[in-house]
PDB file of N, CA and C in Angstrom:
ATOM      1  N   MET A   1     122.897  92.890 104.248  1.00  0.00           N
ATOM      2  CA  MET A   1     123.066  92.219 103.034  1.00  0.00           C
ATOM      3  C   MET A   1     121.723  91.822 102.319  1.00  0.00           C
ATOM      4  N   PRO A   2     121.406  92.319 101.235  1.00  0.00           N
ATOM      5  CA  PRO A   2     120.095  92.073 100.506  1.00  0.00           C
ATOM      6  C   PRO A   2     119.844  90.602 100.266  1.00  0.00           C
ATOM      7  N   ASN A   3     118.690  90.147 100.422  1.00  0.00           N
ATOM      8  CA  ASN A   3     118.264  88.749 100.026  1.00  0.00           C
ATOM      9  C   ASN A   3     118.324  88.601  98.561  1.00  0.00           C
ATOM     10  N   LYS A   4     119.099  87.521  98.078  1.00  0.00           N
ATOM     11  CA  LYS A   4     119.204  87.512  96.628  1.00  0.00           C
ATOM     12  C   LYS A   4     117.900  87.087  95.985  1.00  0.00           C
ATOM     13  N   LEU A   5     117.018  86.362  96.606  1.00  0.00           N
ATOM     14  CA  LEU A   5     115.699  86.010  96.008  1.00  0.00           C
ATOM     15  C   LEU A   5     114.960  87.337  95.818  1.00  0.00           C
ATOM     16  N   LEU A   6     114.831  88.063  96.859  1.00  0.00           N
ATOM     17  CA  LEU A   6     114.236  89.352  96.842  1.00  0.00           C
ATOM     18  C   LEU A   6     114.768  90.255  95.768  1.00  0.00           C
ATOM     19  N   GLU A   7     115.905  90.295  95.520  1.00  0.00           N
ATOM     20  CA  GLU A   7     116.503  91.133  94.439  1.00  0.00           C
ATOM     21  C   GLU A   7     116.162  90.658  92.998  1.00  0.00           C
ATOM     22  N   LYS A   8     116.018  89.272  93.025  1.00  0.00           N
ATOM     23  CA  LYS A   8     115.524  88.645  91.616  1.00  0.00           C
ATOM     24  C   LYS A   8     114.044  89.023  91.422  1.00  0.00           C
ATOM     25  N   ILE A   9     113.284  88.934  92.509  1.00  0.00           N
ATOM     26  CA  ILE A   9     111.940  89.278  92.311  1.00  0.00           C
ATOM     27  C   ILE A   9     111.700  90.725  91.945  1.00  0.00           C
ATOM     28  N   LYS A  10     112.504  91.709  92.603  1.00  0.00           N
ATOM     29  CA  LYS A  10     112.387  93.122  92.343  1.00  0.00           C
ATOM     30  C   LYS A  10     112.801  93.281  90.848  1.00  0.00           C
ATOM     31  N   LYS A  11     113.776  92.573  90.344  1.00  0.00           N
ATOM     32  CA  LYS A  11     114.215  92.789  88.806  1.00  0.00           C
ATOM     33  C   LYS A  11     113.030  92.408  87.857  1.00  0.00           C
ATOM     34  N   ALA A  12     112.418  91.146  88.291  1.00  0.00           N
ATOM     35  CA  ALA A  12     111.386  90.617  87.537  1.00  0.00           C
ATOM     36  C   ALA A  12     109.965  91.273  87.532  1.00  0.00           C
ATOM     37  N   ASP A  13     109.923  91.989  88.582  1.00  0.00           N
ATOM     38  CA  ASP A  13     108.540  92.621  88.814  1.00  0.00           C
ATOM     39  C   ASP A  13     108.397  93.827  88.076  1.00  0.00           C
ATOM     40  N   LYS A  14     107.562  93.780  86.929  1.00  0.00           N
ATOM     41  CA  LYS A  14     107.303  94.816  86.102  1.00  0.00           C
ATOM     42  C   LYS A  14     105.845  94.992  85.972  1.00  0.00           C
ATOM     43  N   ALA A  15     105.408  96.351  86.353  1.00  0.00           N
ATOM     44  CA  ALA A  15     103.990  96.583  86.315  1.00  0.00           C
ATOM     45  C   ALA A  15     103.619  96.733  84.899  1.00  0.00           C
ATOM     46  N   GLU A  16     102.496  96.220  84.542  1.00  0.00           N
ATOM     47  CA  GLU A  16     101.976  96.275  83.128  1.00  0.00           C
ATOM     48  C   GLU A  16     101.167  97.542  83.018  1.00  0.00           C
ATOM     49  N   LEU A  17     101.251  98.218  81.803  1.00  0.00           N
ATOM     50  CA  LEU A  17     100.281  99.324  81.477  1.00  0.00           C
ATOM     51  C   LEU A  17      99.268  98.850  80.480  1.00  0.00           C
ATOM     52  N   LEU A  18      98.132  99.126  80.907  1.00  0.00           N
ATOM     53  CA  LEU A  18      97.052  98.856  79.939  1.00  0.00           C
ATOM     54  C   LEU A  18      96.544 100.094  79.216  1.00  0.00           C
ATOM     55  N   PRO A  19      96.567  99.954  77.884  1.00  0.00           N
ATOM     56  CA  PRO A  19      96.255 101.110  77.057  1.00  0.00           C
ATOM     57  C   PRO A  19      94.607 101.032  76.832  1.00  0.00           C
ATOM     58  N   VAL A  20      93.955 102.081  77.064  1.00  0.00           N
ATOM     59  CA  VAL A  20      92.568 102.177  76.867  1.00  0.00           C
ATOM     60  C   VAL A  20      92.140 103.374  76.135  1.00  0.00           C
ATOM     61  N   ASP A  21      91.644 103.059  74.854  1.00  0.00           N
ATOM     62  CA  ASP A  21      91.104 104.024  73.939  1.00  0.00           C
ATOM     63  C   ASP A  21      89.933 104.765  74.559  1.00  0.00           C
ATOM     64  N   VAL A  22      89.842 106.081  74.550  1.00  0.00           N
ATOM     65  CA  VAL A  22      88.777 106.915  74.999  1.00  0.00           C
ATOM     66  C   VAL A  22      88.341 107.739  73.882  1.00  0.00           C
ATOM     67  N   PRO A  23      87.378 107.279  73.014  1.00  0.00           N
ATOM     68  CA  PRO A  23      86.898 107.927  71.843  1.00  0.00           C
ATOM     69  C   PRO A  23      86.454 109.277  72.070  1.00  0.00           C
ATOM     70  N   GLU A  24      85.739 109.470  73.201  1.00  0.00           N
ATOM     71  CA  GLU A  24      85.074 110.698  73.730  1.00  0.00           C
ATOM     72  C   GLU A  24      86.276 111.750  73.839  1.00  0.00           C
ATOM     73  N   TRP A  25      87.381 111.423  74.089  1.00  0.00           N
ATOM     74  CA  TRP A  25      88.552 112.416  74.092  1.00  0.00           C
ATOM     75  C   TRP A  25      89.470 112.212  72.849  1.00  0.00           C
ATOM     76  N   GLY A  26      89.242 111.289  72.132  1.00  0.00           N
ATOM     77  CA  GLY A  26      90.197 111.173  70.953  1.00  0.00           C
ATOM     78  C   GLY A  26      91.590 110.878  71.488  1.00  0.00           C
ATOM     79  N   LEU A  27      91.613 110.136  72.477  1.00  0.00           N
ATOM     80  CA  LEU A  27      93.016 109.768  73.170  1.00  0.00           C
ATOM     81  C   LEU A  27      93.119 108.322  73.606  1.00  0.00           C
ATOM     82  N   THR A  28      94.404 107.919  73.849  1.00  0.00           N
ATOM     83  CA  THR A  28      94.560 106.679  74.551  1.00  0.00           C
ATOM     84  C   THR A  28      95.124 106.956  75.958  1.00  0.00           C
ATOM     85  N   VAL A  29      94.541 106.528  76.969  1.00  0.00           N
ATOM     86  CA  VAL A  29      95.033 106.707  78.278  1.00  0.00           C
ATOM     87  C   VAL A  29      95.397 105.282  78.748  1.00  0.00           C
ATOM     88  N   TYR A  30      96.400 105.295  79.585  1.00  0.00           N
ATOM     89  CA  TYR A  30      97.006 104.177  80.235  1.00  0.00           C
ATOM     90  C   TYR A  30      96.646 103.955  81.550  1.00  0.00           C
ATOM     91  N   ILE A  31      96.460 102.742  82.056  1.00  0.00           N
ATOM     92  CA  ILE A  31      96.178 102.451  83.366  1.00  0.00           C
ATOM     93  C   ILE A  31      97.346 101.457  83.840  1.00  0.00           C
ATOM     94  N   LYS A  32      97.929 101.876  85.048  1.00  0.00           N
ATOM     95  CA  LYS A  32      99.148 101.113  85.590  1.00  0.00           C
ATOM     96  C   LYS A  32      98.510 100.232  86.678  1.00  0.00           C
ATOM     97  N   GLN A  33      99.155  99.118  86.884  1.00  0.00           N
ATOM     98  CA  GLN A  33      99.003  98.208  88.046  1.00  0.00           C
ATOM     99  C   GLN A  33      99.582  98.961  89.398  1.00  0.00           C
ATOM    100  N   LEU A  34      98.833  99.004  90.410  1.00  0.00           N
ATOM    101  CA  LEU A  34      99.273  99.535  91.627  1.00  0.00           C
ATOM    102  C   LEU A  34     100.238  98.780  92.271  1.00  0.00           C
ATOM    103  N   THR A  35     101.218  99.393  93.014  1.00  0.00           N
ATOM    104  CA  THR A  35     102.101  98.584  93.952  1.00  0.00           C
ATOM    105  C   THR A  35     101.259  98.247  95.009  1.00  0.00           C
ATOM    106  N   VAL A  36     101.751  97.191  95.848  1.00  0.00           N
ATOM    107  CA  VAL A  36     101.021  96.847  97.090  1.00  0.00           C
ATOM    108  C   VAL A  36     100.934  98.052  98.030  1.00  0.00           C
ATOM    109  N   GLY A  37     101.927  98.838  98.111  1.00  0.00           N
ATOM    110  CA  GLY A  37     101.854 100.192  98.919  1.00  0.00           C
ATOM    111  C   GLY A  37     100.776 101.096  98.492  1.00  0.00           C
ATOM    112  N   GLU A  38     100.600 101.275  97.159  1.00  0.00           N
ATOM    113  CA  GLU A  38      99.592 102.213  96.606  1.00  0.00           C
ATOM    114  C   GLU A  38      98.200 101.559  96.868  1.00  0.00           C
ATOM    115  N   ARG A  39      98.116 100.343  96.747  1.00  0.00           N
ATOM    116  CA  ARG A  39      96.875  99.630  96.978  1.00  0.00           C
ATOM    117  C   ARG A  39      96.424  99.833  98.522  1.00  0.00           C
ATOM    118  N   ASP A  40      97.505  99.583  99.311  1.00  0.00           N
ATOM    119  CA  ASP A  40      97.179  99.637 100.867  1.00  0.00           C
ATOM    120  C   ASP A  40      96.840 101.054 101.101  1.00  0.00           C
ATOM    121  N   SER A  41      97.479 102.155 100.580  1.00  0.00           N
ATOM    122  CA  SER A  41      97.215 103.407 100.722  1.00  0.00           C
ATOM    123  C   SER A  41      95.664 103.824 100.390  1.00  0.00           C
ATOM    124  N   PHE A  42      95.317 103.334  99.210  1.00  0.00           N
ATOM    125  CA  PHE A  42      93.970 103.498  98.760  1.00  0.00           C
ATOM    126  C   PHE A  42      92.841 102.951  99.823  1.00  0.00           C
ATOM    127  N   GLU A  43      93.190 101.772 100.210  1.00  0.00           N
ATOM    128  CA  GLU A  43      92.345 100.859 101.068  1.00  0.00           C
ATOM    129  C   GLU A  43      92.171 101.643 102.304  1.00  0.00           C
ATOM    130  N   ALA A  44      93.479 102.009 102.931  1.00  0.00           N
ATOM    131  CA  ALA A  44      93.573 102.685 104.191  1.00  0.00           C
ATOM    132  C   ALA A  44      92.722 104.024 104.222  1.00  0.00           C
ATOM    133  N   GLU A  45      92.708 104.700 103.058  1.00  0.00           N
ATOM    134  CA  GLU A  45      91.941 105.918 102.914  1.00  0.00           C
ATOM    135  C   GLU A  45      90.438 105.591 103.007  1.00  0.00           C
ATOM    136  N   ALA A  46      90.155 104.502 102.299  1.00  0.00           N
ATOM    137  CA  ALA A  46      88.735 104.125 102.334  1.00  0.00           C
ATOM    138  C   ALA A  46      88.175 103.838 103.706  1.00  0.00           C
ATOM    139  N   TYR A  47      89.050 102.928 104.325  1.00  0.00           N
ATOM    140  CA  TYR A  47      88.622 102.479 105.671  1.00  0.00           C
ATOM    141  C   TYR A  47      88.630 103.570 106.792  1.00  0.00           C
ATOM    142  N   SER A  48      89.501 104.636 106.432  1.00  0.00           N
ATOM    143  CA  SER A  48      89.505 105.754 107.451  1.00  0.00           C
ATOM    144  C   SER A  48      88.265 106.657 107.500  1.00  0.00           C
ATOM    145  N   VAL A  49      87.512 106.622 106.405  1.00  0.00           N
ATOM    146  CA  VAL A  49      86.242 107.378 106.553  1.00  0.00           C
ATOM    147  C   VAL A  49      84.931 106.485 106.713  1.00  0.00           C
ATOM    148  N   ARG A  50      85.173 105.284 106.891  1.00  0.00           N
ATOM    149  CA  ARG A  50      84.005 104.274 106.960  1.00  0.00           C
ATOM    150  C   ARG A  50      82.910 104.842 107.928  1.00  0.00           C
ATOM    151  N   ASP A  51      83.473 105.229 109.114  1.00  0.00           N
ATOM    152  CA  ASP A  51      82.490 105.563 110.224  1.00  0.00           C
ATOM    153  C   ASP A  51      81.735 106.806 109.855  1.00  0.00           C
ATOM    154  N   LYS A  52      82.187 107.514 108.832  1.00  0.00           N
ATOM    155  CA  LYS A  52      81.503 108.770 108.342  1.00  0.00           C
ATOM    156  C   LYS A  52      80.561 108.631 107.248  1.00  0.00           C
ATOM    157  N   GLY A  53      80.502 107.400 106.740  1.00  0.00           N
ATOM    158  CA  GLY A  53      79.611 107.029 105.553  1.00  0.00           C
ATOM    159  C   GLY A  53      80.497 106.602 104.312  1.00  0.00           C
ATOM    160  N   LEU A  54      79.738 106.699 103.221  1.00  0.00           N
ATOM    161  CA  LEU A  54      80.351 106.350 102.002  1.00  0.00           C
ATOM    162  C   LEU A  54      81.592 107.193 101.619  1.00  0.00           C
ATOM    163  N   MET A  55      82.600 106.498 101.069  1.00  0.00           N
ATOM    164  CA  MET A  55      83.833 107.188 100.757  1.00  0.00           C
ATOM    165  C   MET A  55      83.459 108.206  99.496  1.00  0.00           C
ATOM    166  N   ASN A  56      83.640 109.405  99.714  1.00  0.00           N
ATOM    167  CA  ASN A  56      83.431 110.298  98.661  1.00  0.00           C
ATOM    168  C   ASN A  56      84.348 110.089  97.433  1.00  0.00           C
ATOM    169  N   ASP A  57      83.806 110.274  96.296  1.00  0.00           N
ATOM    170  CA  ASP A  57      84.705 110.236  95.138  1.00  0.00           C
ATOM    171  C   ASP A  57      85.742 109.079  94.913  1.00  0.00           C
ATOM    172  N   ILE A  58      84.923 107.880  95.261  1.00  0.00           N
ATOM    173  CA  ILE A  58      85.875 106.575  95.347  1.00  0.00           C
ATOM    174  C   ILE A  58      86.471 106.400  93.996  1.00  0.00           C
ATOM    175  N   ARG A  59      85.691 106.623  92.880  1.00  0.00           N
ATOM    176  CA  ARG A  59      86.110 106.332  91.624  1.00  0.00           C
ATOM    177  C   ARG A  59      87.444 107.346  91.209  1.00  0.00           C
ATOM    178  N   SER A  60      87.300 108.610  91.572  1.00  0.00           N
ATOM    179  CA  SER A  60      88.384 109.530  91.151  1.00  0.00           C
ATOM    180  C   SER A  60      89.566 109.283  92.124  1.00  0.00           C
ATOM    181  N   LYS A  61      89.306 108.707  93.324  1.00  0.00           N
ATOM    182  CA  LYS A  61      90.526 108.457  94.305  1.00  0.00           C
ATOM    183  C   LYS A  61      91.213 107.187  93.944  1.00  0.00           C
ATOM    184  N   PHE A  62      90.435 106.307  93.211  1.00  0.00           N
ATOM    185  CA  PHE A  62      91.150 105.088  92.597  1.00  0.00           C
ATOM    186  C   PHE A  62      91.965 105.466  91.357  1.00  0.00           C
ATOM    187  N   LEU A  63      91.169 106.094  90.516  1.00  0.00           N
ATOM    188  CA  LEU A  63      91.755 106.412  89.227  1.00  0.00           C
ATOM    189  C   LEU A  63      92.896 107.423  89.185  1.00  0.00           C
ATOM    190  N   VAL A  64      93.000 108.314  90.256  1.00  0.00           N
ATOM    191  CA  VAL A  64      94.051 109.163  90.378  1.00  0.00           C
ATOM    192  C   VAL A  64      95.477 108.346  90.583  1.00  0.00           C
ATOM    193  N   ARG A  65      95.303 107.290  91.099  1.00  0.00           N
ATOM    194  CA  ARG A  65      96.339 106.397  91.419  1.00  0.00           C
ATOM    195  C   ARG A  65      96.778 105.472  90.231  1.00  0.00           C
ATOM    196  N   THR A  66      95.871 105.228  89.297  1.00  0.00           N
ATOM    197  CA  THR A  66      96.060 104.363  88.222  1.00  0.00           C
ATOM    198  C   THR A  66      96.251 104.943  86.922  1.00  0.00           C
ATOM    199  N   LEU A  67      95.629 106.019  86.527  1.00  0.00           N
ATOM    200  CA  LEU A  67      95.670 106.687  85.177  1.00  0.00           C
ATOM    201  C   LEU A  67      97.073 107.168  84.995  1.00  0.00           C
ATOM    202  N   CYS A  68      97.657 106.955  83.876  1.00  0.00           N
ATOM    203  CA  CYS A  68      98.942 107.437  83.514  1.00  0.00           C
ATOM    204  C   CYS A  68      99.278 107.641  82.124  1.00  0.00           C
ATOM    205  N   ASP A  69     100.424 108.129  81.770  1.00  0.00           N
ATOM    206  CA  ASP A  69     100.770 108.206  80.375  1.00  0.00           C
ATOM    207  C   ASP A  69     101.474 107.021  79.885  1.00  0.00           C
ATOM    208  N   GLU A  70     101.865 106.864  78.611  1.00  0.00           N
ATOM    209  CA  GLU A  70     102.492 105.725  78.100  1.00  0.00           C
ATOM    210  C   GLU A  70     103.849 105.231  78.858  1.00  0.00           C
ATOM    211  N   ASN A  71     104.349 106.262  79.610  1.00  0.00           N
ATOM    212  CA  ASN A  71     105.695 105.964  80.389  1.00  0.00           C
ATOM    213  C   ASN A  71     105.404 105.566  81.774  1.00  0.00           C
ATOM    214  N   GLY A  72     104.090 105.407  82.188  1.00  0.00           N
ATOM    215  CA  GLY A  72     103.725 105.082  83.671  1.00  0.00           C
ATOM    216  C   GLY A  72     103.753 106.204  84.572  1.00  0.00           C
ATOM    217  N   GLU A  73     103.861 107.424  84.035  1.00  0.00           N
ATOM    218  CA  GLU A  73     103.806 108.648  84.974  1.00  0.00           C
ATOM    219  C   GLU A  73     102.352 108.989  85.232  1.00  0.00           C
ATOM    220  N   VAL A  74     101.829 109.082  86.433  1.00  0.00           N
ATOM    221  CA  VAL A  74     100.487 109.382  86.680  1.00  0.00           C
ATOM    222  C   VAL A  74     100.073 110.737  86.404  1.00  0.00           C
ATOM    223  N   LEU A  75      98.822 110.907  86.089  1.00  0.00           N
ATOM    224  CA  LEU A  75      98.371 112.166  85.512  1.00  0.00           C
ATOM    225  C   LEU A  75      98.404 113.340  86.468  1.00  0.00           C
ATOM    226  N   CYS A  76      98.116 112.957  87.697  1.00  0.00           N
ATOM    227  CA  CYS A  76      98.225 113.969  88.829  1.00  0.00           C
ATOM    228  C   CYS A  76      98.369 113.266  90.206  1.00  0.00           C
ATOM    229  N   LYS A  77      98.604 113.910  91.145  1.00  0.00           N
ATOM    230  CA  LYS A  77      99.092 113.348  92.386  1.00  0.00           C
ATOM    231  C   LYS A  77      97.612 113.009  93.153  1.00  0.00           C
ATOM    232  N   PRO A  78      97.684 111.973  94.083  1.00  0.00           N
ATOM    233  CA  PRO A  78      96.466 111.594  94.809  1.00  0.00           C
ATOM    234  C   PRO A  78      95.809 112.742  95.485  1.00  0.00           C
ATOM    235  N   GLU A  79      96.481 113.727  95.988  1.00  0.00           N
ATOM    236  CA  GLU A  79      95.864 114.893  96.570  1.00  0.00           C
ATOM    237  C   GLU A  79      95.153 115.756  95.534  1.00  0.00           C
ATOM    238  N   GLU A  80      95.389 115.699  94.392  1.00  0.00           N
ATOM    239  CA  GLU A  80      94.631 116.497  93.306  1.00  0.00           C
ATOM    240  C   GLU A  80      93.632 115.645  92.557  1.00  0.00           C
ATOM    241  N   PHE A  81      92.937 114.574  93.287  1.00  0.00           N
ATOM    242  CA  PHE A  81      91.897 113.790  92.686  1.00  0.00           C
ATOM    243  C   PHE A  81      90.748 114.640  92.207  1.00  0.00           C
ATOM    244  N   LEU A  82      90.595 115.745  92.926  1.00  0.00           N
ATOM    245  CA  LEU A  82      89.396 116.695  92.430  1.00  0.00           C
ATOM    246  C   LEU A  82      89.356 117.045  91.010  1.00  0.00           C
ATOM    247  N   GLU A  83      90.615 117.041  90.423  1.00  0.00           N
ATOM    248  CA  GLU A  83      90.723 117.402  89.052  1.00  0.00           C
ATOM    249  C   GLU A  83      89.894 116.281  88.201  1.00  0.00           C
ATOM    250  N   LEU A  84      89.930 115.150  88.655  1.00  0.00           N
ATOM    251  CA  LEU A  84      89.235 113.982  87.944  1.00  0.00           C
ATOM    252  C   LEU A  84      87.830 114.163  88.124  1.00  0.00           C
ATOM    253  N   THR A  85      87.232 114.602  89.229  1.00  0.00           N
ATOM    254  CA  THR A  85      85.804 114.718  89.412  1.00  0.00           C
ATOM    255  C   THR A  85      85.112 115.657  88.479  1.00  0.00           C
ATOM    256  N   LYS A  86      85.854 116.505  87.812  1.00  0.00           N
ATOM    257  CA  LYS A  86      85.233 117.487  86.809  1.00  0.00           C
ATOM    258  C   LYS A  86      85.115 116.798  85.513  1.00  0.00           C
ATOM    259  N   LEU A  87      85.523 115.736  85.288  1.00  0.00           N
ATOM    260  CA  LEU A  87      85.461 115.066  83.938  1.00  0.00           C
ATOM    261  C   LEU A  87      84.161 114.300  83.762  1.00  0.00           C
ATOM    262  N   THR A  88      83.759 114.068  82.473  1.00  0.00           N
ATOM    263  CA  THR A  88      82.413 113.463  82.237  1.00  0.00           C
ATOM    264  C   THR A  88      82.410 112.110  82.794  1.00  0.00           C
ATOM    265  N   SER A  89      81.223 111.566  83.120  1.00  0.00           N
ATOM    266  CA  SER A  89      81.128 110.328  83.683  1.00  0.00           C
ATOM    267  C   SER A  89      81.365 109.117  82.806  1.00  0.00           C
ATOM    268  N   LYS A  90      80.910 109.237  81.581  1.00  0.00           N
ATOM    269  CA  LYS A  90      80.962 107.927  80.644  1.00  0.00           C
ATOM    270  C   LYS A  90      82.326 107.417  80.414  1.00  0.00           C
ATOM    271  N   PRO A  91      83.248 108.356  79.981  1.00  0.00           N
ATOM    272  CA  PRO A  91      84.563 107.775  79.940  1.00  0.00           C
ATOM    273  C   PRO A  91      85.339 107.471  81.241  1.00  0.00           C
ATOM    274  N   MET A  92      84.964 108.050  82.251  1.00  0.00           N
ATOM    275  CA  MET A  92      85.645 107.887  83.566  1.00  0.00           C
ATOM    276  C   MET A  92      85.098 106.551  84.036  1.00  0.00           C
ATOM    277  N   GLU A  93      83.800 106.330  83.734  1.00  0.00           N
ATOM    278  CA  GLU A  93      83.335 104.909  84.142  1.00  0.00           C
ATOM    279  C   GLU A  93      83.951 103.865  83.480  1.00  0.00           C
ATOM    280  N   LYS A  94      84.079 104.089  82.227  1.00  0.00           N
ATOM    281  CA  LYS A  94      84.860 103.018  81.430  1.00  0.00           C
ATOM    282  C   LYS A  94      86.330 102.727  82.014  1.00  0.00           C
ATOM    283  N   LEU A  95      87.070 103.829  82.265  1.00  0.00           N
ATOM    284  CA  LEU A  95      88.443 103.851  82.815  1.00  0.00           C
ATOM    285  C   LEU A  95      88.311 103.187  84.184  1.00  0.00           C
ATOM    286  N   PHE A  96      87.448 103.636  84.966  1.00  0.00           N
ATOM    287  CA  PHE A  96      87.325 102.820  86.308  1.00  0.00           C
ATOM    288  C   PHE A  96      87.114 101.322  86.281  1.00  0.00           C
ATOM    289  N   ASP A  97      86.255 100.916  85.396  1.00  0.00           N
ATOM    290  CA  ASP A  97      85.985  99.521  85.168  1.00  0.00           C
ATOM    291  C   ASP A  97      87.264  98.830  84.721  1.00  0.00           C
ATOM    292  N   ALA A  98      88.006  99.455  83.677  1.00  0.00           N
ATOM    293  CA  ALA A  98      89.271  98.792  83.258  1.00  0.00           C
ATOM    294  C   ALA A  98      90.242  98.874  84.362  1.00  0.00           C
ATOM    295  N   ALA A  99      90.468  99.839  85.109  1.00  0.00           N
ATOM    296  CA  ALA A  99      91.311 100.003  86.318  1.00  0.00           C
ATOM    297  C   ALA A  99      91.070  98.888  87.204  1.00  0.00           C
ATOM    298  N   GLN A 100      89.826  98.706  87.632  1.00  0.00           N
ATOM    299  CA  GLN A 100      89.452  97.611  88.561  1.00  0.00           C
ATOM    300  C   GLN A 100      89.847  96.291  88.057  1.00  0.00           C
ATOM    301  N   LYS A 101      89.624  95.995  86.974  1.00  0.00           N
ATOM    302  CA  LYS A 101      90.049  94.673  86.320  1.00  0.00           C
ATOM    303  C   LYS A 101      91.537  94.493  86.364  1.00  0.00           C
ATOM    304  N   HIS A 102      92.184  95.571  85.860  1.00  0.00           N
ATOM    305  CA  HIS A 102      93.629  95.478  85.692  1.00  0.00           C
ATOM    306  C   HIS A 102      94.388  95.380  87.070  1.00  0.00           C
ATOM    307  N   ASN A 103      93.662  95.891  88.076  1.00  0.00           N
ATOM    308  CA  ASN A 103      94.264  95.935  89.525  1.00  0.00           C
ATOM    309  C   ASN A 103      93.551  94.748  90.401  1.00  0.00           C
ATOM    310  N   SER A 104      92.790  93.964  89.724  1.00  0.00           N
ATOM    311  CA  SER A 104      92.028  92.968  90.493  1.00  0.00           C
ATOM    312  C   SER A 104      91.259  93.351  91.671  1.00  0.00           C
ATOM    313  N   LEU A 105      90.521  94.574  91.434  1.00  0.00           N
ATOM    314  CA  LEU A 105      89.572  95.144  92.513  1.00  0.00           C
ATOM    315  C   LEU A 105      88.360  94.687  92.015  1.00  0.00           C
ATOM    316  N   SER A 106      87.663  93.780  92.710  1.00  0.00           N
ATOM    317  CA  SER A 106      86.413  93.336  92.474  1.00  0.00           C
ATOM    318  C   SER A 106      85.288  94.526  92.771  1.00  0.00           C
ATOM    319  N   ASP A 107      83.991  94.211  92.298  1.00  0.00           N
ATOM    320  CA  ASP A 107      82.909  94.960  92.602  1.00  0.00           C
ATOM    321  C   ASP A 107      82.722  94.760  94.123  1.00  0.00           C
ATOM    322  N   SER A 108      82.809  93.592  94.655  1.00  0.00           N
ATOM    323  CA  SER A 108      82.673  93.409  96.015  1.00  0.00           C
ATOM    324  C   SER A 108      83.570  94.093  96.970  1.00  0.00           C
ATOM    325  N   ASP A 109      84.844  94.106  96.345  1.00  0.00           N
ATOM    326  CA  ASP A 109      85.883  94.914  97.022  1.00  0.00           C
ATOM    327  C   ASP A 109      85.490  96.385  97.283  1.00  0.00           C
ATOM    328  N   VAL A 110      84.957  96.841  96.073  1.00  0.00           N
ATOM    329  CA  VAL A 110      84.679  98.292  96.008  1.00  0.00           C
ATOM    330  C   VAL A 110      83.394  98.607  97.060  1.00  0.00           C
ATOM    331  N   GLU A 111      82.350  97.752  96.930  1.00  0.00           N
ATOM    332  CA  GLU A 111      81.350  97.693  97.980  1.00  0.00           C
ATOM    333  C   GLU A 111      81.920  97.801  99.290  1.00  0.00           C
ATOM    334  N   GLU A 112      82.713  96.781  99.661  1.00  0.00           N
ATOM    335  CA  GLU A 112      83.240  96.642 101.059  1.00  0.00           C
ATOM    336  C   GLU A 112      84.031  97.920 101.404  1.00  0.00           C
ATOM    337  N   LEU A 113      84.708  98.479 100.571  1.00  0.00           N
ATOM    338  CA  LEU A 113      85.516  99.702 101.022  1.00  0.00           C
ATOM    339  C   LEU A 113      84.600 100.872 101.046  1.00  0.00           C
ATOM    340  N   ALA A 114      83.503 100.971 100.294  1.00  0.00           N
ATOM    341  CA  ALA A 114      82.570 102.039 100.393  1.00  0.00           C
ATOM    342  C   ALA A 114      81.545 102.132 101.443  1.00  0.00           C
ATOM    343  N   LYS A 115      81.210 100.893 101.934  1.00  0.00           N
ATOM    344  CA  LYS A 115      80.088 100.758 102.884  1.00  0.00           C
ATOM    345  C   LYS A 115      80.557 101.280 104.150  1.00  0.00           C
ATOM    346  N   ASN A 116      79.487 101.664 104.956  1.00  0.00           N
ATOM    347  CA  ASN A 116      79.854 102.095 106.439  1.00  0.00           C
ATOM    348  C   ASN A 116      79.514 101.072 107.460  1.00  0.00           C
TER     349      ASN A 116
END
């Protein structure tokens, strides 16, 4: 039997989408809030490579989980993150900064995840 409080929480839990204008592309891109499972998956991936050095493509691997359309549909799957590495750095850095803030991922969190 499901817990009534948990059911209420699940009904009330709505991920906010953050619209970000990207003038370089002439588009608005959306950033979604990660679920706790998605955040754990990203952090687990970062920690799994720590003994090998800096996590490669950390921005793209985070953005692939957060960039979406106006309906919250991600632009590509996490395993397709390399598609994002081909994009120019200026708009991607702007999106990464916005995604960090929108998901409460501090600079020190990123440094901790990236260091060996």
